[in-house]
C-alpha atoms as a PDB file:
ATOM      1  CA  MET A   1      87.038 104.822 128.862  1.00  0.00           C
ATOM      2  CA  THR A   2      85.792 106.605 125.849  1.00  0.00           C
ATOM      3  CA  SER A   3      83.904 104.463 123.253  1.00  0.00           C
ATOM      4  CA  THR A   4      83.218 104.386 119.589  1.00  0.00           C
ATOM      5  CA  LEU A   5      81.087 101.298 120.027  1.00  0.00           C
ATOM      6  CA  PRO A   6      77.434 101.674 118.712  1.00  0.00           C
ATOM      7  CA  ASP A   7      74.759 102.516 121.122  1.00  0.00           C
ATOM      8  CA  TRP A   8      73.504  98.901 121.649  1.00  0.00           C
ATOM      9  CA  ALA A   9      77.001  97.593 122.553  1.00  0.00           C
ATOM     10  CA  GLN A  10      77.409 100.244 124.896  1.00  0.00           C
ATOM     11  CA  GLU A  11      74.155  99.290 126.606  1.00  0.00           C
ATOM     12  CA  HIS A  12      74.867  95.404 126.544  1.00  0.00           C
ATOM     13  CA  MET A  13      78.457  96.567 128.366  1.00  0.00           C
ATOM     14  CA  ARG A  14      76.627  98.981 130.876  1.00  0.00           C
ATOM     15  CA  ASN A  15      74.415  96.253 131.629  1.00  0.00           C
ATOM     16  CA  TYR A  16      76.635  93.787 131.835  1.00  0.00           C
ATOM     17  CA  LEU A  17      79.071  95.783 134.314  1.00  0.00           C
ATOM     18  CA  ALA A  18      76.215  96.868 136.676  1.00  0.00           C
ATOM     19  CA  THR A  19      74.932  93.249 137.183  1.00  0.00           C
ATOM     20  CA  ASP A  20      78.440  91.253 137.033  1.00  0.00           C
ATOM     21  CA  GLY A  21      77.125  89.863 133.717  1.00  0.00           C
ATOM     22  CA  VAL A  22      73.503  88.423 135.197  1.00  0.00           C
ATOM     23  CA  ASP A  23      72.221  90.705 132.565  1.00  0.00           C
ATOM     24  CA  GLY A  24      74.547  90.204 129.442  1.00  0.00           C
ATOM     25  CA  HIS A  25      76.358  87.124 129.860  1.00  0.00           C
ATOM     26  CA  ILE A  26      74.391  85.825 127.749  1.00  0.00           C
ATOM     27  CA  TRP A  27      73.255  87.613 124.685  1.00  0.00           C
ATOM     28  CA  ARG A  28      70.812  86.572 121.810  1.00  0.00           C
ATOM     29  CA  GLY A  29      71.578  82.906 123.009  1.00  0.00           C
ATOM     30  CA  VAL A  30      75.303  83.165 123.029  1.00  0.00           C
ATOM     31  CA  PRO A  31      77.951  83.585 125.884  1.00  0.00           C
ATOM     32  CA  THR A  32      79.724  86.727 125.913  1.00  0.00           C
ATOM     33  CA  LEU A  33      82.583  88.219 127.647  1.00  0.00           C
ATOM     34  CA  LEU A  34      84.184  91.816 128.193  1.00  0.00           C
ATOM     35  CA  LEU A  35      87.481  92.085 126.779  1.00  0.00           C
ATOM     36  CA  THR A  36      89.750  95.333 127.881  1.00  0.00           C
ATOM     37  CA  THR A  37      92.879  96.110 125.653  1.00  0.00           C
ATOM     38  CA  VAL A  38      95.260  98.829 125.804  1.00  0.00           C
ATOM     39  CA  GLY A  39      94.680 101.320 122.782  1.00  0.00           C
ATOM     40  CA  CYS A  40      97.592 101.050 120.683  1.00  0.00           C
ATOM     41  CA  LYS A  41      97.637 104.649 119.646  1.00  0.00           C
ATOM     42  CA  SER A  42      96.019 106.105 122.786  1.00  0.00           C
ATOM     43  CA  GLY A  43      97.481 103.764 125.429  1.00  0.00           C
ATOM     44  CA  ALA A  44      94.011 103.975 126.954  1.00  0.00           C
ATOM     45  CA  PRO A  45      91.727 101.276 128.166  1.00  0.00           C
ATOM     46  CA  ARG A  46      89.331 100.129 125.472  1.00  0.00           C
ATOM     47  CA  MET A  47      86.191  97.551 126.466  1.00  0.00           C
ATOM     48  CA  LEU A  48      83.893  95.527 124.571  1.00  0.00           C
ATOM     49  CA  PRO A  49      81.751  92.663 124.524  1.00  0.00           C
ATOM     50  CA  LEU A  50      82.505  89.821 122.370  1.00  0.00           C
ATOM     51  CA  ILE A  51      81.063  86.243 121.774  1.00  0.00           C
ATOM     52  CA  TYR A  52      82.927  83.610 123.057  1.00  0.00           C
ATOM     53  CA  GLY A  53      83.680  79.749 123.346  1.00  0.00           C
ATOM     54  CA  GLN A  54      85.986  77.455 125.411  1.00  0.00           C
ATOM     55  CA  ASP A  55      88.845  74.849 125.044  1.00  0.00           C
ATOM     56  CA  GLY A  56      89.568  73.547 128.002  1.00  0.00           C
ATOM     57  CA  ASP A  57      90.498  76.661 130.722  1.00  0.00           C
ATOM     58  CA  ASP A  58      91.301  78.662 127.689  1.00  0.00           C
ATOM     59  CA  TYR A  59      88.415  81.287 126.110  1.00  0.00           C
ATOM     60  CA  ILE A  60      88.161  81.749 122.414  1.00  0.00           C
ATOM     61  CA  ILE A  61      87.230  84.642 120.635  1.00  0.00           C
ATOM     62  CA  VAL A  62      87.136  85.526 117.122  1.00  0.00           C
ATOM     63  CA  ALA A  63      88.521  88.820 115.365  1.00  0.00           C
ATOM     64  CA  SER A  64      85.548  88.972 112.655  1.00  0.00           C
ATOM     65  CA  LYS A  65      84.500  92.390 112.461  1.00  0.00           C
ATOM     66  CA  GLY A  66      81.487  91.080 110.714  1.00  0.00           C
ATOM     67  CA  GLY A  67      83.595  89.996 107.680  1.00  0.00           C
ATOM     68  CA  PHE A  68      85.111  93.816 106.773  1.00  0.00           C
ATOM     69  CA  PRO A  69      88.553  93.772 105.136  1.00  0.00           C
ATOM     70  CA  GLU A  70      90.381  95.100 108.098  1.00  0.00           C
ATOM     71  CA  HIS A  71      90.713  93.599 111.337  1.00  0.00           C
ATOM     72  CA  PRO A  72      88.958  95.093 114.186  1.00  0.00           C
ATOM     73  CA  ALA A  73      90.658  97.849 116.345  1.00  0.00           C
ATOM     74  CA  TRP A  74      90.527  95.605 119.522  1.00  0.00           C
ATOM     75  CA  TYR A  75      92.390  92.698 117.604  1.00  0.00           C
ATOM     76  CA  ASN A  76      95.456  95.132 116.743  1.00  0.00           C
ATOM     77  CA  ASN A  77      95.598  96.562 120.165  1.00  0.00           C
ATOM     78  CA  LEU A  78      95.756  93.104 121.598  1.00  0.00           C
ATOM     79  CA  VAL A  79      98.509  92.231 118.870  1.00  0.00           C
ATOM     80  CA  ALA A  80     100.614  95.021 119.862  1.00  0.00           C
ATOM     81  CA  GLN A  81      99.744  94.497 123.994  1.00  0.00           C
ATOM     82  CA  PRO A  82      98.603  90.747 124.459  1.00  0.00           C
ATOM     83  CA  GLU A  83      98.075  91.554 128.012  1.00  0.00           C
ATOM     84  CA  VAL A  84      94.513  92.136 128.531  1.00  0.00           C
ATOM     85  CA  GLN A  85      91.708  92.067 131.187  1.00  0.00           C
ATOM     86  CA  VAL A  86      88.531  89.793 130.723  1.00  0.00           C
ATOM     87  CA  GLN A  87      85.462  89.426 132.360  1.00  0.00           C
ATOM     88  CA  VAL A  88      83.246  86.290 132.079  1.00  0.00           C
ATOM     89  CA  ALA A  89      79.781  86.696 133.837  1.00  0.00           C
ATOM     90  CA  ALA A  90      81.404  87.903 137.508  1.00  0.00           C
ATOM     91  CA  ASP A  91      84.777  86.204 136.908  1.00  0.00           C
ATOM     92  CA  LYS A  92      87.496  88.875 136.464  1.00  0.00           C
ATOM     93  CA  PHE A  93      90.650  88.180 135.614  1.00  0.00           C
ATOM     94  CA  ALA A  94      93.964  89.407 133.609  1.00  0.00           C
ATOM     95  CA  ALA A  95      94.750  87.143 130.500  1.00  0.00           C
ATOM     96  CA  ARG A  96      97.609  86.793 127.627  1.00  0.00           C
ATOM     97  CA  ALA A  97      96.043  87.196 124.374  1.00  0.00           C
ATOM     98  CA  ILE A  98      97.164  84.741 121.737  1.00  0.00           C
ATOM     99  CA  THR A  99      96.517  84.260 118.030  1.00  0.00           C
ATOM    100  CA  ILE A 100      96.053  80.664 117.018  1.00  0.00           C
ATOM    101  CA  GLY A 101      97.196  79.247 113.956  1.00  0.00           C
ATOM    102  CA  GLY A 102      97.334  75.524 112.199  1.00  0.00           C
ATOM    103  CA  GLU A 103      95.183  72.645 113.054  1.00  0.00           C
ATOM    104  CA  ARG A 104      94.404  74.067 116.667  1.00  0.00           C
ATOM    105  CA  ARG A 105      92.992  77.087 114.865  1.00  0.00           C
ATOM    106  CA  GLN A 106      90.459  75.197 112.498  1.00  0.00           C
ATOM    107  CA  LYS A 107      89.363  73.064 116.075  1.00  0.00           C
ATOM    108  CA  LEU A 108      88.894  76.038 117.565  1.00  0.00           C
ATOM    109  CA  TRP A 109      87.212  77.939 114.519  1.00  0.00           C
ATOM    110  CA  ASP A 110      84.627  74.855 114.120  1.00  0.00           C
ATOM    111  CA  ILE A 111      84.163  75.467 118.165  1.00  0.00           C
ATOM    112  CA  MET A 112      83.021  79.240 117.271  1.00  0.00           C
ATOM    113  CA  ALA A 113      81.209  78.469 114.275  1.00  0.00           C
ATOM    114  CA  GLU A 114      78.834  76.087 116.556  1.00  0.00           C
ATOM    115  CA  ILE A 115      78.357  78.837 118.704  1.00  0.00           C
ATOM    116  CA  TRP A 116      77.825  81.611 116.147  1.00  0.00           C
ATOM    117  CA  PRO A 117      77.384  80.245 112.595  1.00  0.00           C
ATOM    118  CA  PRO A 118      77.215  83.962 110.983  1.00  0.00           C
ATOM    119  CA  TYR A 119      81.006  83.519 111.123  1.00  0.00           C
ATOM    120  CA  ILE A 120      81.055  81.332 108.487  1.00  0.00           C
ATOM    121  CA  ASP A 121      79.209  83.780 106.536  1.00  0.00           C
ATOM    122  CA  TYR A 122      81.931  86.258 107.705  1.00  0.00           C
ATOM    123  CA  GLN A 123      84.921  84.533 106.370  1.00  0.00           C
ATOM    124  CA  GLN A 124      83.292  84.226 102.894  1.00  0.00           C
ATOM    125  CA  LYS A 125      82.634  88.142 102.871  1.00  0.00           C
ATOM    126  CA  THR A 126      86.451  88.756 103.315  1.00  0.00           C
ATOM    127  CA  ASP A 127      89.974  87.889 101.684  1.00  0.00           C
ATOM    128  CA  ARG A 128      91.671  87.970 105.056  1.00  0.00           C
ATOM    129  CA  HIS A 129      92.172  85.083 107.354  1.00  0.00           C
ATOM    130  CA  ILE A 130      90.034  85.694 110.224  1.00  0.00           C
ATOM    131  CA  PRO A 131      91.987  85.905 113.531  1.00  0.00           C
ATOM    132  CA  VAL A 132      90.937  83.095 116.169  1.00  0.00           C
ATOM    133  CA  VAL A 133      92.174  84.221 119.441  1.00  0.00           C
ATOM    134  CA  VAL A 134      92.830  82.534 122.816  1.00  0.00           C
ATOM    135  CA  LEU A 135      92.499  84.162 126.583  1.00  0.00           C
ATOM    136  CA  ALA A 136      95.006  82.373 128.871  1.00  0.00           C
ATOM    137  CA  ARG A 137      94.341  83.522 132.241  1.00  0.00           C
ATOM    138  CA  ASP A 138      97.616  84.626 134.097  1.00  0.00           C
END
């Protein structure tokens, strides 16, 4: 699996995978998961660590890309192919990625902004509506 992720993110992933999340599940005080999408151009698996929250049994992720004008590549991948693989600590499972809108999006956004307050700054930096995605276990 090739990666264009920064060195710190690759190291985070390696530690997460090597320890089943014992080292890496909590990163900078927040929970992280590993998301694997299928590259929409390459067809190759693409893995990356993301901060997550929960709403019942659903996992929540945010396609912020730090407030850049365009969506992150991983988001474009899951829009094209919503069937993804997820690892939360030692729990590995298949999931379906669903972009959330309306009132539920605001509820989930609020959950995620409480977990990682910089999301609020990211939204203020960009004109795009930052997607909130639910990972629903298959």
